[in-house]
Amino acid sequence: MTTPDIDPHPSVIPCERWVKPLAGDVGMRHEFEQPPRVAFLLGKPVRHDSIFPEVFDLLRDISITTAVHLPKGDQPIPPWVFESALVVQRGLGLSELISARALEEAGIRCCNRVTATVTLHDRALTAQRLANAGLPVPATVRVATWPAAVELADGKPVAVKTKDGDAGRGVNVLIDATGGLPPLAPFPGPYILQEYVSSDGQDHKVYVAGDQTMGLLKRWPSSQATATPGLPFTVGPELRAIAQRAGQALDLEIYGVDVLYGPSGPAIVDVNPFPGFRNIPEAPRLIARHLAAITTGRTPE
């Protein structure tokens, strides 16, 4: 089997640490005795402070082995990944996702599904699918150039984003609450303009793993300078239903939904496939339970 990628940076965990024999293993096992393996295709090496170390430990506790691969551009996926019981992908760019489509074409179970994640790289298409499902989203319009965006905004408060969401979460997004877009483009287009949601300044972030939801309340809008850990909250029936319907509309299993409450009620302003789940203590356990249920039908304690 090809050795999984290992990053030499001291702040990350060598992936080989997670490919361990089970306690009591002696010598080689026959193929039918091998425990199931979950392959993780990640956009970055695993860090000690991420959710993954605990997820890996929880899976290994119920005899599921894990291995990590860091795809690079349009390079083919290694053969050993195709031998996995489940492939989990997070943080991949569009070129890596296109290469990973070969897994689903070969019948390999992926979480989230690769084709679904590709859709979320198109912010306009994402908003359209949510709206088609009857979910509350701000009115959204596509424009090709920045002058067209300024003209269409016409001095009104708007949110402007690049149509391509490949740059990353929160990147190439301008929230204009005062109705004064700058004359020069702050980032390349094409763009989408969304109706500005006048809210109480609270972003209700709903994290979902399978049928489980977790909530974190954060300031809106936020930046690196104003970012705070957030305050956990219990997700009520209305928000839970919105988040679950969003996942169904976009064919997602592990994801996050950002909801603002405006004068007309709740509005979805962002959907993120497999977020980092920072400051959500129960996230590793719930994610591991979901992955284990897919792989073996068993779940960690």
Foldseek 3Di string as FASTA:
>chain_A
DDAADADPDPQADGQVVQQDDAPPDDDDDDPVPQFAEEEEAEQDGHGPPFLPVLLSVLLVVVPYTYGYHHDDFQDADDPVNLVGQEYEYPDDFLRRLVNVVVSVVVVRHYAQDSVLQNQQQFVVSLQVLCVVLVAFAFDKDWDQAPVVVLVVLVQAFKKKAARGNRVDPPPRIDGGHGSDDDPDRPDHHRMMIGHHFDFPQWKWKWWFAALDIWTFIWGPPDDPVRGDQTDTDDDDPVRSVSVVSSCVSSVHHTWMWIWGQGPVGIHTDGIGHHDRCGPPVCVSQSNSQRVCCSRPNDGGD
